[in-house]
Amino acid sequence: MSDLASREAFGTAATLLQFSTPTCARCPATARQLDAVAASRSTAPGPDRVRRLEIDLAERPDLARRFDVMQTPTVLLVDGTHTVRARFGGPPRQPELVAALDAVLTEEHS
């Protein structure tokens, strides 16, 4: 994952990795949803615990093949070790997204 972005672009506990394209009609709303979820789970003292990272597949078409992205948005939930823990094709449903993220964050404290 280090070739996707700088280490600082990732959350220390989790990253919501959004694959988008400029023509994706649902991507802006998905970005707002992911930003809100990340902000609600990244509170002091760790404001960088959960972050959203967006990858434009028009600029990086190689990643569509690498991550088997067949639609945009596609969202991967990546933990602090950059292991993919969940995958959402299309806009994630809020309850499923929050449950998957909370599971990763709970494991972080174990």
PDB file of N, CA and C in Angstrom:
ATOM      1  N   MET A   1       0.809  -1.200   0.000  1.00  0.00           N
ATOM      2  CA  MET A   1       0.000   0.000   0.000  1.00  0.00           C
ATOM      3  C   MET A   1       0.849   1.259   0.000  1.00  0.00           C
ATOM      4  N   SER A   2       2.117   1.122   0.268  1.00  0.00           N
ATOM      5  CA  SER A   2       2.963   2.308   0.350  1.00  0.00           C
ATOM      6  C   SER A   2       3.090   3.033  -0.984  1.00  0.00           C
ATOM      7  N   ASP A   3       2.760   2.353  -2.087  1.00  0.00           N
ATOM      8  CA  ASP A   3       2.831   3.015  -3.387  1.00  0.00           C
ATOM      9  C   ASP A   3       1.560   3.803  -3.709  1.00  0.00           C
ATOM     10  N   LEU A   4       0.541   3.730  -2.850  1.00  0.00           N
ATOM     11  CA  LEU A   4      -0.699   4.463  -3.086  1.00  0.00           C
ATOM     12  C   LEU A   4      -0.595   5.918  -2.646  1.00  0.00           C
ATOM     13  N   ALA A   5       0.053   6.123  -1.519  1.00  0.00           N
ATOM     14  CA  ALA A   5       0.167   7.466  -0.944  1.00  0.00           C
ATOM     15  C   ALA A   5       1.226   7.423   0.145  1.00  0.00           C
ATOM     16  N   SER A   6       1.576   8.591   0.654  1.00  0.00           N
ATOM     17  CA  SER A   6       2.550   8.644   1.743  1.00  0.00           C
ATOM     18  C   SER A   6       1.961   7.988   2.989  1.00  0.00           C
ATOM     19  N   ARG A   7       2.821   7.544   3.839  1.00  0.00           N
ATOM     20  CA  ARG A   7       2.387   6.897   5.091  1.00  0.00           C
ATOM     21  C   ARG A   7       1.488   7.832   5.903  1.00  0.00           C
ATOM     22  N   GLU A   8       1.768   9.130   5.850  1.00  0.00           N
ATOM     23  CA  GLU A   8       0.987  10.110   6.603  1.00  0.00           C
ATOM     24  C   GLU A   8      -0.436  10.248   6.081  1.00  0.00           C
ATOM     25  N   ALA A   9      -0.687   9.833   4.860  1.00  0.00           N
ATOM     26  CA  ALA A   9      -2.036   9.922   4.290  1.00  0.00           C
ATOM     27  C   ALA A   9      -2.976   8.877   4.884  1.00  0.00           C
ATOM     28  N   PHE A  10      -2.409   7.827   5.465  1.00  0.00           N
ATOM     29  CA  PHE A  10      -3.207   6.766   6.062  1.00  0.00           C
ATOM     30  C   PHE A  10      -3.511   7.073   7.519  1.00  0.00           C
ATOM     31  N   GLY A  11      -4.638   6.571   8.001  1.00  0.00           N
ATOM     32  CA  GLY A  11      -4.957   6.699   9.410  1.00  0.00           C
ATOM     33  C   GLY A  11      -4.089   5.777  10.230  1.00  0.00           C
ATOM     34  N   THR A  12      -3.840   6.132  11.464  1.00  0.00           N
ATOM     35  CA  THR A  12      -2.998   5.287  12.311  1.00  0.00           C
ATOM     36  C   THR A  12      -3.703   3.999  12.719  1.00  0.00           C
ATOM     37  N   ALA A  13      -5.045   4.010  12.790  1.00  0.00           N
ATOM     38  CA  ALA A  13      -5.811   2.819  13.160  1.00  0.00           C
ATOM     39  C   ALA A  13      -6.552   2.225  11.971  1.00  0.00           C
ATOM     40  N   ALA A  14      -7.046   3.081  11.074  1.00  0.00           N
ATOM     41  CA  ALA A  14      -7.825   2.594   9.932  1.00  0.00           C
ATOM     42  C   ALA A  14      -7.879   3.672   8.857  1.00  0.00           C
ATOM     43  N   THR A  15      -8.051   3.202   7.618  1.00  0.00           N
ATOM     44  CA  THR A  15      -8.201   4.103   6.484  1.00  0.00           C
ATOM     45  C   THR A  15      -9.363   3.625   5.635  1.00  0.00           C
ATOM     46  N   LEU A  16     -10.212   4.551   5.256  1.00  0.00           N
ATOM     47  CA  LEU A  16     -11.299   4.275   4.327  1.00  0.00           C
ATOM     48  C   LEU A  16     -10.776   4.665   2.950  1.00  0.00           C
ATOM     49  N   LEU A  17     -10.373   3.686   2.182  1.00  0.00           N
ATOM     50  CA  LEU A  17      -9.731   3.889   0.892  1.00  0.00           C
ATOM     51  C   LEU A  17     -10.793   3.861  -0.196  1.00  0.00           C
ATOM     52  N   GLN A  18     -11.053   5.018  -0.787  1.00  0.00           N
ATOM     53  CA  GLN A  18     -12.114   5.158  -1.781  1.00  0.00           C
ATOM     54  C   GLN A  18     -11.510   5.232  -3.178  1.00  0.00           C
ATOM     55  N   PHE A  19     -11.938   4.322  -4.046  1.00  0.00           N
ATOM     56  CA  PHE A  19     -11.565   4.371  -5.453  1.00  0.00           C
ATOM     57  C   PHE A  19     -12.679   5.081  -6.205  1.00  0.00           C
ATOM     58  N   SER A  20     -12.314   6.128  -6.947  1.00  0.00           N
ATOM     59  CA  SER A  20     -13.283   6.965  -7.647  1.00  0.00           C
ATOM     60  C   SER A  20     -12.806   7.243  -9.061  1.00  0.00           C
ATOM     61  N   THR A  21     -13.692   7.845  -9.840  1.00  0.00           N
ATOM     62  CA  THR A  21     -13.355   8.378 -11.157  1.00  0.00           C
ATOM     63  C   THR A  21     -14.024   9.748 -11.283  1.00  0.00           C
ATOM     64  N   PRO A  22     -13.519  10.598 -12.159  1.00  0.00           N
ATOM     65  CA  PRO A  22     -14.113  11.928 -12.306  1.00  0.00           C
ATOM     66  C   PRO A  22     -15.580  11.897 -12.756  1.00  0.00           C
ATOM     67  N   THR A  23     -15.999  10.844 -13.443  1.00  0.00           N
ATOM     68  CA  THR A  23     -17.369  10.777 -13.956  1.00  0.00           C
ATOM     69  C   THR A  23     -18.320  10.043 -13.019  1.00  0.00           C
ATOM     70  N   CYS A  24     -17.840   9.611 -11.880  1.00  0.00           N
ATOM     71  CA  CYS A  24     -18.664   8.853 -10.927  1.00  0.00           C
ATOM     72  C   CYS A  24     -19.668   9.786 -10.252  1.00  0.00           C
ATOM     73  N   ALA A  25     -20.945   9.538 -10.472  1.00  0.00           N
ATOM     74  CA  ALA A  25     -21.989  10.390  -9.909  1.00  0.00           C
ATOM     75  C   ALA A  25     -22.159  10.189  -8.404  1.00  0.00           C
ATOM     76  N   ARG A  26     -21.878   8.987  -7.907  1.00  0.00           N
ATOM     77  CA  ARG A  26     -22.095   8.688  -6.480  1.00  0.00           C
ATOM     78  C   ARG A  26     -20.859   8.921  -5.620  1.00  0.00           C
ATOM     79  N   CYS A  27     -19.724   9.203  -6.246  1.00  0.00           N
ATOM     80  CA  CYS A  27     -18.476   9.341  -5.492  1.00  0.00           C
ATOM     81  C   CYS A  27     -18.441  10.558  -4.555  1.00  0.00           C
ATOM     82  N   PRO A  28     -18.919  11.734  -4.969  1.00  0.00           N
ATOM     83  CA  PRO A  28     -18.878  12.871  -4.034  1.00  0.00           C
ATOM     84  C   PRO A  28     -19.691  12.623  -2.756  1.00  0.00           C
ATOM     85  N   ALA A  29     -20.872  12.047  -2.882  1.00  0.00           N
ATOM     86  CA  ALA A  29     -21.682  11.754  -1.687  1.00  0.00           C
ATOM     87  C   ALA A  29     -21.006  10.692  -0.832  1.00  0.00           C
ATOM     88  N   THR A  30     -20.379   9.717  -1.471  1.00  0.00           N
ATOM     89  CA  THR A  30     -19.663   8.687  -0.719  1.00  0.00           C
ATOM     90  C   THR A  30     -18.489   9.307   0.025  1.00  0.00           C
ATOM     91  N   ALA A  31     -17.783  10.218  -0.599  1.00  0.00           N
ATOM     92  CA  ALA A  31     -16.665  10.896   0.069  1.00  0.00           C
ATOM     93  C   ALA A  31     -17.142  11.643   1.309  1.00  0.00           C
ATOM     94  N   ARG A  32     -18.266  12.337   1.191  1.00  0.00           N
ATOM     95  CA  ARG A  32     -18.812  13.065   2.352  1.00  0.00           C
ATOM     96  C   ARG A  32     -19.206  12.086   3.465  1.00  0.00           C
ATOM     97  N   GLN A  33     -19.816  10.963   3.088  1.00  0.00           N
ATOM     98  CA  GLN A  33     -20.201   9.950   4.075  1.00  0.00           C
ATOM     99  C   GLN A  33     -18.960   9.407   4.789  1.00  0.00           C
ATOM    100  N   LEU A  34     -17.941   9.053   4.031  1.00  0.00           N
ATOM    101  CA  LEU A  34     -16.726   8.489   4.621  1.00  0.00           C
ATOM    102  C   LEU A  34     -16.005   9.513   5.494  1.00  0.00           C
ATOM    103  N   ASP A  35     -15.975  10.764   5.052  1.00  0.00           N
ATOM    104  CA  ASP A  35     -15.361  11.813   5.872  1.00  0.00           C
ATOM    105  C   ASP A  35     -16.086  11.955   7.210  1.00  0.00           C
ATOM    106  N   ALA A  36     -17.409  11.901   7.180  1.00  0.00           N
ATOM    107  CA  ALA A  36     -18.195  12.035   8.414  1.00  0.00           C
ATOM    108  C   ALA A  36     -17.946  10.852   9.347  1.00  0.00           C
ATOM    109  N   VAL A  37     -17.904   9.655   8.810  1.00  0.00           N
ATOM    110  CA  VAL A  37     -17.648   8.468   9.636  1.00  0.00           C
ATOM    111  C   VAL A  37     -16.234   8.528  10.205  1.00  0.00           C
ATOM    112  N   ALA A  38     -15.258   8.882   9.381  1.00  0.00           N
ATOM    113  CA  ALA A  38     -13.873   8.983   9.855  1.00  0.00           C
ATOM    114  C   ALA A  38     -13.759  10.027  10.966  1.00  0.00           C
ATOM    115  N   ALA A  39     -14.397  11.177  10.788  1.00  0.00           N
ATOM    116  CA  ALA A  39     -14.343  12.232  11.800  1.00  0.00           C
ATOM    117  C   ALA A  39     -15.005  11.784  13.102  1.00  0.00           C
ATOM    118  N   SER A  40     -16.079  11.017  12.995  1.00  0.00           N
ATOM    119  CA  SER A  40     -16.777  10.574  14.203  1.00  0.00           C
ATOM    120  C   SER A  40     -15.976   9.531  14.983  1.00  0.00           C
ATOM    121  N   ARG A  41     -15.036   8.875  14.317  1.00  0.00           N
ATOM    122  CA  ARG A  41     -14.232   7.845  14.977  1.00  0.00           C
ATOM    123  C   ARG A  41     -12.818   8.328  15.292  1.00  0.00           C
ATOM    124  N   SER A  42     -12.448   9.493  14.831  1.00  0.00           N
ATOM    125  CA  SER A  42     -11.118  10.061  15.085  1.00  0.00           C
ATOM    126  C   SER A  42     -11.266  11.224  16.037  1.00  0.00           C
ATOM    127  N   THR A  43     -11.208  10.936  17.293  1.00  0.00           N
ATOM    128  CA  THR A  43     -11.333  11.983  18.298  1.00  0.00           C
ATOM    129  C   THR A  43     -10.026  12.104  19.063  1.00  0.00           C
ATOM    130  N   ALA A  44      -9.890  13.174  19.795  1.00  0.00           N
ATOM    131  CA  ALA A  44      -8.682  13.386  20.596  1.00  0.00           C
ATOM    132  C   ALA A  44      -8.504  12.187  21.528  1.00  0.00           C
ATOM    133  N   PRO A  45      -7.316  11.756  21.804  1.00  0.00           N
ATOM    134  CA  PRO A  45      -6.044  12.357  21.442  1.00  0.00           C
ATOM    135  C   PRO A  45      -5.498  11.907  20.084  1.00  0.00           C
ATOM    136  N   GLY A  46      -6.248  11.146  19.306  1.00  0.00           N
ATOM    137  CA  GLY A  46      -5.720  10.661  18.035  1.00  0.00           C
ATOM    138  C   GLY A  46      -6.510  11.132  16.844  1.00  0.00           C
ATOM    139  N   PRO A  47      -6.400  12.393  16.453  1.00  0.00           N
ATOM    140  CA  PRO A  47      -7.215  12.894  15.358  1.00  0.00           C
ATOM    141  C   PRO A  47      -6.915  12.227  14.018  1.00  0.00           C
ATOM    142  N   ASP A  48      -5.779  11.551  13.903  1.00  0.00           N
ATOM    143  CA  ASP A  48      -5.435  10.869  12.654  1.00  0.00           C
ATOM    144  C   ASP A  48      -5.682   9.367  12.732  1.00  0.00           C
ATOM    145  N   ARG A  49      -6.471   8.941  13.693  1.00  0.00           N
ATOM    146  CA  ARG A  49      -6.746   7.502  13.844  1.00  0.00           C
ATOM    147  C   ARG A  49      -7.433   6.916  12.629  1.00  0.00           C
ATOM    148  N   VAL A  50      -8.452   7.616  12.129  1.00  0.00           N
ATOM    149  CA  VAL A  50      -9.213   7.136  10.976  1.00  0.00           C
ATOM    150  C   VAL A  50      -9.212   8.236   9.928  1.00  0.00           C
ATOM    151  N   ARG A  51      -8.849   7.861   8.720  1.00  0.00           N
ATOM    152  CA  ARG A  51      -8.818   8.842   7.638  1.00  0.00           C
ATOM    153  C   ARG A  51      -9.461   8.253   6.393  1.00  0.00           C
ATOM    154  N   ARG A  52      -9.865   9.154   5.499  1.00  0.00           N
ATOM    155  CA  ARG A  52     -10.333   8.745   4.170  1.00  0.00           C
ATOM    156  C   ARG A  52      -9.247   9.112   3.181  1.00  0.00           C
ATOM    157  N   LEU A  53      -8.961   8.184   2.302  1.00  0.00           N
ATOM    158  CA  LEU A  53      -7.979   8.408   1.253  1.00  0.00           C
ATOM    159  C   LEU A  53      -8.658   8.078  -0.068  1.00  0.00           C
ATOM    160  N   GLU A  54      -8.636   9.024  -1.000  1.00  0.00           N
ATOM    161  CA  GLU A  54      -9.305   8.826  -2.282  1.00  0.00           C
ATOM    162  C   GLU A  54      -8.279   8.630  -3.385  1.00  0.00           C
ATOM    163  N   ILE A  55      -8.513   7.611  -4.197  1.00  0.00           N
ATOM    164  CA  ILE A  55      -7.650   7.302  -5.327  1.00  0.00           C
ATOM    165  C   ILE A  55      -8.462   7.492  -6.598  1.00  0.00           C
ATOM    166  N   ASP A  56      -7.966   8.335  -7.493  1.00  0.00           N
ATOM    167  CA  ASP A  56      -8.614   8.587  -8.778  1.00  0.00           C
ATOM    168  C   ASP A  56      -8.124   7.537  -9.773  1.00  0.00           C
ATOM    169  N   LEU A  57      -9.012   6.643 -10.161  1.00  0.00           N
ATOM    170  CA  LEU A  57      -8.622   5.567 -11.069  1.00  0.00           C
ATOM    171  C   LEU A  57      -8.337   6.058 -12.486  1.00  0.00           C
ATOM    172  N   ALA A  58      -8.784   7.252 -12.825  1.00  0.00           N
ATOM    173  CA  ALA A  58      -8.428   7.816 -14.126  1.00  0.00           C
ATOM    174  C   ALA A  58      -6.925   8.113 -14.171  1.00  0.00           C
ATOM    175  N   GLU A  59      -6.368   8.470 -13.018  1.00  0.00           N
ATOM    176  CA  GLU A  59      -4.934   8.732 -12.920  1.00  0.00           C
ATOM    177  C   GLU A  59      -4.126   7.480 -12.630  1.00  0.00           C
ATOM    178  N   ARG A  60      -4.756   6.484 -12.010  1.00  0.00           N
ATOM    179  CA  ARG A  60      -4.064   5.241 -11.634  1.00  0.00           C
ATOM    180  C   ARG A  60      -4.866   4.013 -12.083  1.00  0.00           C
ATOM    181  N   PRO A  61      -5.051   3.811 -13.398  1.00  0.00           N
ATOM    182  CA  PRO A  61      -5.836   2.671 -13.870  1.00  0.00           C
ATOM    183  C   PRO A  61      -5.238   1.323 -13.488  1.00  0.00           C
ATOM    184  N   ASP A  62      -3.943   1.284 -13.227  1.00  0.00           N
ATOM    185  CA  ASP A  62      -3.298   0.047 -12.792  1.00  0.00           C
ATOM    186  C   ASP A  62      -3.890  -0.463 -11.474  1.00  0.00           C
ATOM    187  N   LEU A  63      -4.370   0.445 -10.646  1.00  0.00           N
ATOM    188  CA  LEU A  63      -4.926   0.039  -9.352  1.00  0.00           C
ATOM    189  C   LEU A  63      -6.291  -0.618  -9.493  1.00  0.00           C
ATOM    190  N   ALA A  64      -7.019  -0.288 -10.545  1.00  0.00           N
ATOM    191  CA  ALA A  64      -8.305  -0.956 -10.780  1.00  0.00           C
ATOM    192  C   ALA A  64      -8.069  -2.446 -10.980  1.00  0.00           C
ATOM    193  N   ARG A  65      -7.061  -2.780 -11.743  1.00  0.00           N
ATOM    194  CA  ARG A  65      -6.729  -4.199 -11.947  1.00  0.00           C
ATOM    195  C   ARG A  65      -6.175  -4.822 -10.666  1.00  0.00           C
ATOM    196  N   ARG A  66      -5.272  -4.126 -10.033  1.00  0.00           N
ATOM    197  CA  ARG A  66      -4.618  -4.658  -8.826  1.00  0.00           C
ATOM    198  C   ARG A  66      -5.609  -4.968  -7.712  1.00  0.00           C
ATOM    199  N   PHE A  67      -6.594  -4.081  -7.518  1.00  0.00           N
ATOM    200  CA  PHE A  67      -7.572  -4.261  -6.445  1.00  0.00           C
ATOM    201  C   PHE A  67      -8.911  -4.786  -6.952  1.00  0.00           C
ATOM    202  N   ASP A  68      -8.954  -5.196  -8.215  1.00  0.00           N
ATOM    203  CA  ASP A  68     -10.154  -5.783  -8.819  1.00  0.00           C
ATOM    204  C   ASP A  68     -11.380  -4.882  -8.643  1.00  0.00           C
ATOM    205  N   VAL A  69     -11.199  -3.608  -8.957  1.00  0.00           N
ATOM    206  CA  VAL A  69     -12.287  -2.634  -8.851  1.00  0.00           C
ATOM    207  C   VAL A  69     -13.101  -2.676 -10.142  1.00  0.00           C
ATOM    208  N   MET A  70     -14.370  -3.052 -10.003  1.00  0.00           N
ATOM    209  CA  MET A  70     -15.260  -3.174 -11.152  1.00  0.00           C
ATOM    210  C   MET A  70     -16.271  -2.031 -11.230  1.00  0.00           C
ATOM    211  N   GLN A  71     -16.369  -1.238 -10.161  1.00  0.00           N
ATOM    212  CA  GLN A  71     -17.314  -0.114 -10.137  1.00  0.00           C
ATOM    213  C   GLN A  71     -16.771   0.963  -9.215  1.00  0.00           C
ATOM    214  N   THR A  72     -17.239   2.174  -9.456  1.00  0.00           N
ATOM    215  CA  THR A  72     -16.904   3.259  -8.538  1.00  0.00           C
ATOM    216  C   THR A  72     -18.199   3.826  -7.985  1.00  0.00           C
ATOM    217  N   PRO A  73     -18.193   4.172  -6.722  1.00  0.00           N
ATOM    218  CA  PRO A  73     -17.063   4.019  -5.825  1.00  0.00           C
ATOM    219  C   PRO A  73     -16.903   2.566  -5.366  1.00  0.00           C
ATOM    220  N   THR A  74     -15.689   2.209  -5.072  1.00  0.00           N
ATOM    221  CA  THR A  74     -15.371   1.000  -4.318  1.00  0.00           C
ATOM    222  C   THR A  74     -14.583   1.470  -3.115  1.00  0.00           C
ATOM    223  N   VAL A  75     -14.922   0.955  -1.946  1.00  0.00           N
ATOM    224  CA  VAL A  75     -14.282   1.386  -0.704  1.00  0.00           C
ATOM    225  C   VAL A  75     -13.658   0.176  -0.021  1.00  0.00           C
ATOM    226  N   LEU A  76     -12.398   0.311   0.335  1.00  0.00           N
ATOM    227  CA  LEU A  76     -11.712  -0.703   1.136  1.00  0.00           C
ATOM    228  C   LEU A  76     -11.480  -0.138   2.525  1.00  0.00           C
ATOM    229  N   LEU A  77     -11.755  -0.938   3.532  1.00  0.00           N
ATOM    230  CA  LEU A  77     -11.424  -0.586   4.910  1.00  0.00           C
ATOM    231  C   LEU A  77     -10.086  -1.256   5.211  1.00  0.00           C
ATOM    232  N   VAL A  78      -9.089  -0.437   5.470  1.00  0.00           N
ATOM    233  CA  VAL A  78      -7.731  -0.909   5.690  1.00  0.00           C
ATOM    234  C   VAL A  78      -7.358  -0.606   7.136  1.00  0.00           C
ATOM    235  N   ASP A  79      -6.794  -1.597   7.837  1.00  0.00           N
ATOM    236  CA  ASP A  79      -6.433  -1.365   9.236  1.00  0.00           C
ATOM    237  C   ASP A  79      -5.083  -0.661   9.341  1.00  0.00           C
ATOM    238  N   GLY A  80      -4.620  -0.473  10.551  1.00  0.00           N
ATOM    239  CA  GLY A  80      -3.385   0.266  10.787  1.00  0.00           C
ATOM    240  C   GLY A  80      -2.142  -0.396  10.229  1.00  0.00           C
ATOM    241  N   THR A  81      -2.215  -1.701   9.931  1.00  0.00           N
ATOM    242  CA  THR A  81      -1.084  -2.407   9.317  1.00  0.00           C
ATOM    243  C   THR A  81      -1.233  -2.493   7.805  1.00  0.00           C
ATOM    244  N   HIS A  82      -2.238  -1.797   7.272  1.00  0.00           N
ATOM    245  CA  HIS A  82      -2.538  -1.734   5.837  1.00  0.00           C
ATOM    246  C   HIS A  82      -3.069  -3.056   5.286  1.00  0.00           C
ATOM    247  N   THR A  83      -3.727  -3.822   6.143  1.00  0.00           N
ATOM    248  CA  THR A  83      -4.398  -5.048   5.728  1.00  0.00           C
ATOM    249  C   THR A  83      -5.846  -4.709   5.397  1.00  0.00           C
ATOM    250  N   VAL A  84      -6.319  -5.176   4.244  1.00  0.00           N
ATOM    251  CA  VAL A  84      -7.709  -4.931   3.861  1.00  0.00           C
ATOM    252  C   VAL A  84      -8.607  -5.770   4.754  1.00  0.00           C
ATOM    253  N   ARG A  85      -9.522  -5.107   5.446  1.00  0.00           N
ATOM    254  CA  ARG A  85     -10.407  -5.794   6.395  1.00  0.00           C
ATOM    255  C   ARG A  85     -11.843  -5.889   5.904  1.00  0.00           C
ATOM    256  N   ALA A  86     -12.247  -5.008   4.977  1.00  0.00           N
ATOM    257  CA  ALA A  86     -13.608  -5.052   4.424  1.00  0.00           C
ATOM    258  C   ALA A  86     -13.584  -4.377   3.063  1.00  0.00           C
ATOM    259  N   ARG A  87     -14.564  -4.751   2.242  1.00  0.00           N
ATOM    260  CA  ARG A  87     -14.681  -4.198   0.895  1.00  0.00           C
ATOM    261  C   ARG A  87     -16.144  -3.886   0.626  1.00  0.00           C
ATOM    262  N   PHE A  88     -16.388  -2.712   0.037  1.00  0.00           N
ATOM    263  CA  PHE A  88     -17.739  -2.283  -0.288  1.00  0.00           C
ATOM    264  C   PHE A  88     -17.768  -1.886  -1.756  1.00  0.00           C
ATOM    265  N   GLY A  89     -18.562  -2.566  -2.558  1.00  0.00           N
ATOM    266  CA  GLY A  89     -18.756  -2.196  -3.952  1.00  0.00           C
ATOM    267  C   GLY A  89     -19.940  -1.255  -4.034  1.00  0.00           C
ATOM    268  N   GLY A  90     -19.723  -0.061  -4.514  1.00  0.00           N
ATOM    269  CA  GLY A  90     -20.767   0.952  -4.495  1.00  0.00           C
ATOM    270  C   GLY A  90     -20.726   1.691  -3.181  1.00  0.00           C
ATOM    271  N   PRO A  91     -21.626   2.649  -2.995  1.00  0.00           N
ATOM    272  CA  PRO A  91     -21.648   3.387  -1.730  1.00  0.00           C
ATOM    273  C   PRO A  91     -21.933   2.432  -0.563  1.00  0.00           C
ATOM    274  N   PRO A  92     -21.115   2.476   0.482  1.00  0.00           N
ATOM    275  CA  PRO A  92     -21.351   1.575   1.620  1.00  0.00           C
ATOM    276  C   PRO A  92     -22.630   1.927   2.356  1.00  0.00           C
ATOM    277  N   ARG A  93     -23.301   0.910   2.848  1.00  0.00           N
ATOM    278  CA  ARG A  93     -24.437   1.163   3.741  1.00  0.00           C
ATOM    279  C   ARG A  93     -23.867   1.570   5.093  1.00  0.00           C
ATOM    280  N   GLN A  94     -24.423   2.612   5.647  1.00  0.00           N
ATOM    281  CA  GLN A  94     -23.907   3.187   6.893  1.00  0.00           C
ATOM    282  C   GLN A  94     -23.766   2.151   8.017  1.00  0.00           C
ATOM    283  N   PRO A  95     -24.796   1.335   8.318  1.00  0.00           N
ATOM    284  CA  PRO A  95     -24.641   0.390   9.435  1.00  0.00           C
ATOM    285  C   PRO A  95     -23.515  -0.627   9.206  1.00  0.00           C
ATOM    286  N   GLU A  96     -23.370  -1.099   7.975  1.00  0.00           N
ATOM    287  CA  GLU A  96     -22.320  -2.080   7.687  1.00  0.00           C
ATOM    288  C   GLU A  96     -20.937  -1.447   7.752  1.00  0.00           C
ATOM    289  N   LEU A  97     -20.820  -0.233   7.255  1.00  0.00           N
ATOM    290  CA  LEU A  97     -19.552   0.482   7.304  1.00  0.00           C
ATOM    291  C   LEU A  97     -19.128   0.739   8.744  1.00  0.00           C
ATOM    292  N   VAL A  98     -20.042   1.247   9.546  1.00  0.00           N
ATOM    293  CA  VAL A  98     -19.738   1.560  10.949  1.00  0.00           C
ATOM    294  C   VAL A  98     -19.398   0.290  11.724  1.00  0.00           C
ATOM    295  N   ALA A  99     -20.125  -0.789  11.489  1.00  0.00           N
ATOM    296  CA  ALA A  99     -19.845  -2.051  12.187  1.00  0.00           C
ATOM    297  C   ALA A  99     -18.457  -2.576  11.833  1.00  0.00           C
ATOM    298  N   ALA A 100     -18.094  -2.542  10.554  1.00  0.00           N
ATOM    299  CA  ALA A 100     -16.775  -3.023  10.139  1.00  0.00           C
ATOM    300  C   ALA A 100     -15.670  -2.148  10.722  1.00  0.00           C
ATOM    301  N   LEU A 101     -15.855  -0.839  10.681  1.00  0.00           N
ATOM    302  CA  LEU A 101     -14.859   0.071  11.227  1.00  0.00           C
ATOM    303  C   LEU A 101     -14.733  -0.093  12.735  1.00  0.00           C
ATOM    304  N   ASP A 102     -15.851  -0.199  13.428  1.00  0.00           N
ATOM    305  CA  ASP A 102     -15.806  -0.377  14.880  1.00  0.00           C
ATOM    306  C   ASP A 102     -15.109  -1.685  15.260  1.00  0.00           C
ATOM    307  N   ALA A 103     -15.291  -2.737  14.452  1.00  0.00           N
ATOM    308  CA  ALA A 103     -14.600  -4.006  14.718  1.00  0.00           C
ATOM    309  C   ALA A 103     -13.082  -3.835  14.636  1.00  0.00           C
ATOM    310  N   VAL A 104     -12.632  -3.096  13.629  1.00  0.00           N
ATOM    311  CA  VAL A 104     -11.187  -2.838  13.489  1.00  0.00           C
ATOM    312  C   VAL A 104     -10.691  -1.997  14.653  1.00  0.00           C
ATOM    313  N   LEU A 105     -11.437  -0.978  15.023  1.00  0.00           N
ATOM    314  CA  LEU A 105     -11.001  -0.104  16.119  1.00  0.00           C
ATOM    315  C   LEU A 105     -11.029  -0.831  17.456  1.00  0.00           C
ATOM    316  N   THR A 106     -11.978  -1.727  17.652  1.00  0.00           N
ATOM    317  CA  THR A 106     -12.046  -2.514  18.888  1.00  0.00           C
ATOM    318  C   THR A 106     -10.835  -3.430  18.991  1.00  0.00           C
ATOM    319  N   GLU A 107     -10.456  -4.050  17.878  1.00  0.00           N
ATOM    320  CA  GLU A 107      -9.275  -4.930  17.878  1.00  0.00           C
ATOM    321  C   GLU A 107      -8.004  -4.153  18.187  1.00  0.00           C
ATOM    322  N   GLU A 108      -7.962  -2.888  17.769  1.00  0.00           N
ATOM    323  CA  GLU A 108      -6.796  -2.048  18.020  1.00  0.00           C
ATOM    324  C   GLU A 108      -6.553  -1.915  19.521  1.00  0.00           C
ATOM    325  N   HIS A 109      -7.628  -1.892  20.298  1.00  0.00           N
ATOM    326  CA  HIS A 109      -7.512  -1.716  21.756  1.00  0.00           C
ATOM    327  C   HIS A 109      -7.313  -3.022  22.503  1.00  0.00           C
ATOM    328  N   SER A 110      -7.438  -4.134  21.811  1.00  0.00           N
ATOM    329  CA  SER A 110      -7.298  -5.444  22.486  1.00  0.00           C
ATOM    330  C   SER A 110      -5.857  -5.815  22.726  1.00  0.00           C
TER     331      SER A 110
END
